[in-house]
N, C-alpha and C. Protein backbone atom coordinates (compact mmCIF):
# COMPACT_ATOMS: atom_id res chain seq x y z
N UNK A 1 61.94 -25.43 13.27
CA UNK A 1 60.98 -26.36 13.22
C UNK A 1 61.06 -26.31 11.67
N UNK A 2 60.98 -25.63 10.52
CA UNK A 2 60.63 -25.48 9.12
C UNK A 2 62.15 -25.94 9.20
N UNK A 3 63.65 -25.84 9.68
CA UNK A 3 64.82 -26.24 9.12
C UNK A 3 64.74 -27.53 9.01
N UNK A 4 64.47 -28.13 9.67
CA UNK A 4 64.07 -29.50 10.07
C UNK A 4 63.72 -30.26 9.36
N UNK A 5 62.32 -29.61 9.58
CA UNK A 5 61.55 -30.10 8.05
C UNK A 5 61.76 -29.80 6.83
N UNK A 6 62.71 -29.37 6.34
CA UNK A 6 63.60 -28.85 4.98
C UNK A 6 64.57 -29.87 5.04
N UNK A 7 65.20 -30.22 5.87
CA UNK A 7 66.96 -31.08 6.56
C UNK A 7 66.17 -32.64 5.22
N UNK A 8 64.84 -33.11 6.39
CA UNK A 8 64.31 -33.56 6.23
C UNK A 8 64.35 -34.21 5.19
N UNK A 9 63.38 -33.19 4.50
CA UNK A 9 62.94 -33.57 2.92
C UNK A 9 64.03 -33.75 1.86
N UNK A 10 65.45 -33.15 2.13
CA UNK A 10 65.69 -33.29 1.35
C UNK A 10 66.52 -34.68 1.27
N UNK A 11 66.70 -35.01 3.43
CA UNK A 11 67.52 -36.81 3.07
C UNK A 11 66.66 -37.04 2.41
N UNK A 12 65.43 -37.16 2.72
CA UNK A 12 64.59 -38.07 1.79
C UNK A 12 64.75 -38.30 -0.01
N UNK A 13 65.08 -37.84 0.43
CA UNK A 13 65.31 -37.31 -1.78
C UNK A 13 66.62 -37.65 -1.88
N UNK A 14 67.09 -37.68 -1.09
CA UNK A 14 68.97 -37.54 -1.24
C UNK A 14 68.90 -39.51 -0.99
N UNK A 15 67.95 -40.47 0.02
CA UNK A 15 68.05 -41.31 0.54
C UNK A 15 67.12 -42.11 -0.91
N UNK A 16 65.90 -41.93 -1.70
CA UNK A 16 65.69 -42.36 -2.25
C UNK A 16 66.43 -42.17 -3.64
N UNK A 17 68.13 -41.22 -4.22
CA UNK A 17 68.73 -42.11 -5.31
C UNK A 17 68.88 -40.87 -5.39
N UNK A 18 68.01 -38.78 -5.01
CA UNK A 18 68.53 -38.10 -5.86
C UNK A 18 68.61 -37.40 -7.31
N UNK A 19 68.99 -36.87 -8.42
CA UNK A 19 69.45 -35.83 -9.10
C UNK A 19 69.47 -38.10 -9.71
N UNK A 20 70.50 -38.66 -9.45
CA UNK A 20 71.03 -39.95 -10.39
C UNK A 20 69.73 -40.85 -10.95
N UNK A 21 68.58 -40.75 -9.13
CA UNK A 21 68.27 -41.40 -9.46
C UNK A 21 66.66 -41.10 -11.14
N UNK A 22 66.90 -39.75 -11.18
CA UNK A 22 66.13 -39.09 -12.59
C UNK A 22 66.80 -38.73 -13.48
N UNK A 23 68.02 -39.69 -13.68
CA UNK A 23 68.90 -39.20 -14.88
C UNK A 23 69.67 -37.73 -14.74
N UNK A 24 69.96 -37.19 -14.32
CA UNK A 24 70.31 -35.66 -13.87
C UNK A 24 71.27 -35.53 -13.23
N UNK A 25 73.10 -35.22 -14.90
CA UNK A 25 73.82 -34.83 -13.96
C UNK A 25 74.12 -33.70 -13.63
N UNK A 26 74.93 -33.17 -12.14
CA UNK A 26 75.34 -32.67 -12.02
C UNK A 26 76.31 -31.85 -11.52
N UNK A 27 76.29 -30.15 -12.28
CA UNK A 27 77.75 -29.93 -13.07
C UNK A 27 78.85 -29.22 -11.25
N UNK A 28 77.61 -29.46 -9.92
CA UNK A 28 79.04 -28.52 -9.40
C UNK A 28 79.32 -29.69 -8.04
N UNK A 29 79.96 -28.90 -7.44
CA UNK A 29 80.10 -30.09 -6.25
C UNK A 29 81.15 -29.04 -5.24
N UNK A 30 80.00 -29.62 -4.53
CA UNK A 30 79.17 -30.84 -4.13
C UNK A 30 78.06 -31.01 -4.96
N UNK A 31 76.87 -31.88 -5.08
CA UNK A 31 75.60 -31.14 -5.41
C UNK A 31 75.02 -30.91 -4.94
N UNK A 32 73.46 -30.28 -5.25
CA UNK A 32 72.88 -29.14 -5.03
C UNK A 32 72.30 -29.63 -4.09
N UNK A 33 72.25 -30.68 -4.01
CA UNK A 33 70.97 -31.25 -2.24
C UNK A 33 72.21 -31.28 -1.29
N UNK A 34 73.29 -31.91 -1.88
CA UNK A 34 74.38 -31.64 -0.93
C UNK A 34 74.15 -30.48 -0.28
N UNK A 35 74.78 -29.02 -1.14
CA UNK A 35 75.16 -27.90 -0.92
C UNK A 35 73.59 -27.51 -0.19
N UNK A 36 73.02 -27.00 -0.03
CA UNK A 36 71.44 -26.93 0.27
C UNK A 36 71.51 -27.67 1.63
N UNK A 37 71.89 -28.85 2.50
CA UNK A 37 71.45 -29.73 3.56
C UNK A 37 72.85 -28.85 4.12
N UNK A 38 74.53 -28.60 4.05
CA UNK A 38 75.24 -27.20 4.11
C UNK A 38 74.54 -26.31 4.45
N UNK A 39 74.32 -25.61 4.10
CA UNK A 39 73.40 -23.97 3.31
C UNK A 39 72.18 -24.05 4.86
N UNK A 40 71.52 -25.69 4.63
CA UNK A 40 70.29 -24.71 5.68
C UNK A 40 71.00 -25.31 6.90
N UNK A 41 71.67 -26.56 7.18
CA UNK A 41 72.34 -26.81 8.83
C UNK A 41 73.67 -25.70 9.32
N UNK A 42 74.00 -24.39 8.61
CA UNK A 42 75.42 -23.42 8.72
C UNK A 42 73.38 -22.30 9.03
N UNK A 43 72.86 -22.09 8.09
CA UNK A 43 72.27 -20.48 7.99
C UNK A 43 71.30 -20.13 8.29
N UNK A 44 70.71 -21.84 8.84
CA UNK A 44 69.30 -21.79 9.34
C UNK A 44 68.04 -21.72 7.94
N UNK A 45 67.15 -22.06 8.35
CA UNK A 45 66.04 -21.79 6.86
C UNK A 45 66.12 -21.00 6.14
N UNK A 46 65.62 -19.93 7.19
CA UNK A 46 66.18 -18.80 5.89
C UNK A 46 66.82 -18.03 4.80
N UNK A 47 67.43 -18.37 5.87
CA UNK A 47 69.13 -18.03 4.50
C UNK A 47 70.15 -18.99 4.26
N UNK A 48 69.12 -20.46 4.45
CA UNK A 48 69.81 -21.07 4.07
C UNK A 48 69.62 -21.69 2.82
N UNK A 49 67.79 -20.89 2.42
CA UNK A 49 67.26 -21.75 1.88
C UNK A 49 67.19 -20.56 0.50
N UNK A 50 67.37 -19.78 0.73
CA UNK A 50 67.89 -18.34 -0.08
C UNK A 50 68.97 -18.56 -0.96
N UNK A 51 70.66 -19.56 -0.25
CA UNK A 51 71.31 -20.03 -0.86
C UNK A 51 71.27 -21.19 -1.95
N UNK A 52 70.62 -22.12 -1.39
CA UNK A 52 70.37 -23.65 -2.35
C UNK A 52 69.80 -22.82 -3.85
N UNK A 53 68.20 -22.06 -3.46
CA UNK A 53 67.94 -21.62 -4.31
C UNK A 53 68.59 -21.11 -5.57
N UNK A 54 69.39 -20.72 -4.98
CA UNK A 54 70.05 -19.11 -5.94
C UNK A 54 71.10 -20.61 -6.75
N UNK A 55 71.61 -21.12 -5.72
CA UNK A 55 72.58 -21.95 -6.49
C UNK A 55 72.22 -23.58 -7.45
N UNK A 56 70.66 -23.87 -7.35
CA UNK A 56 69.72 -24.24 -8.03
C UNK A 56 69.31 -24.09 -8.82
N UNK A 57 69.61 -22.50 -9.45
CA UNK A 57 68.86 -21.91 -10.25
C UNK A 57 70.18 -21.66 -11.44
N UNK A 58 71.34 -21.78 -10.61
CA UNK A 58 72.60 -21.23 -11.60
C UNK A 58 72.83 -23.45 -12.20
N UNK A 59 72.14 -24.32 -11.96
CA UNK A 59 72.76 -25.39 -12.28
C UNK A 59 71.12 -25.87 -13.47
N UNK A 60 72.13 -26.83 -14.75
CA UNK A 60 72.53 -27.32 -15.42
C UNK A 60 72.75 -26.01 -16.12
N UNK A 61 73.70 -24.92 -15.96
CA UNK A 61 73.68 -23.70 -17.09
C UNK A 61 74.44 -24.82 -18.71
N UNK A 62 74.19 -23.89 -19.34
CA UNK A 62 74.64 -24.95 -20.04
C UNK A 62 76.05 -24.51 -20.79
N UNK A 63 75.97 -23.05 -20.90
CA UNK A 63 77.89 -22.53 -21.06
C UNK A 63 78.54 -22.82 -20.63
N UNK A 64 78.29 -24.06 -19.44
CA UNK A 64 79.48 -23.92 -18.34
C UNK A 64 80.11 -25.75 -18.28
N UNK A 65 81.20 -25.64 -19.03
CA UNK A 65 81.54 -27.25 -18.81
C UNK A 65 82.31 -27.61 -18.22
N UNK A 66 82.50 -29.14 -17.45
CA UNK A 66 82.87 -29.26 -16.85
C UNK A 66 82.44 -29.12 -15.88
N UNK A 67 82.60 -30.19 -14.23
CA UNK A 67 82.42 -29.70 -12.97
C UNK A 67 82.98 -28.09 -12.18
N UNK A 68 81.89 -27.12 -11.10
CA UNK A 68 82.66 -27.02 -10.84
C UNK A 68 82.32 -26.79 -9.34
N UNK A 69 83.64 -26.79 -8.29
CA UNK A 69 83.17 -26.58 -7.49
C UNK A 69 82.79 -25.69 -6.96
N UNK A 70 81.88 -25.80 -5.75
CA UNK A 70 81.18 -24.18 -5.60
C UNK A 70 80.86 -24.42 -3.77
N UNK A 71 81.50 -24.58 -2.47
CA UNK A 71 81.05 -24.31 -0.87
C UNK A 71 79.82 -23.51 -0.75
N UNK A 72 79.95 -23.76 0.35
CA UNK A 72 78.45 -23.33 0.52
C UNK A 72 79.30 -22.13 1.42
N UNK A 73 78.95 -20.65 1.54
CA UNK A 73 79.80 -19.72 2.10
C UNK A 73 79.97 -19.54 3.44
């Protein structure tokens, strides 16, 4: 139930333009919202949310140069 709600919110964010709308350049591949959707679909609401939050906390790291491939484990 909660997982479906989170997925719906993420997909709405993506359809509204995601980070591009806010002029946010993601330094990960796939982007944080795509990663969050994949994590929620694979692991469910609890673990998927924790993985997504951990990923977002690493986003926009000033010491990281370029785009880093970081797939859902």
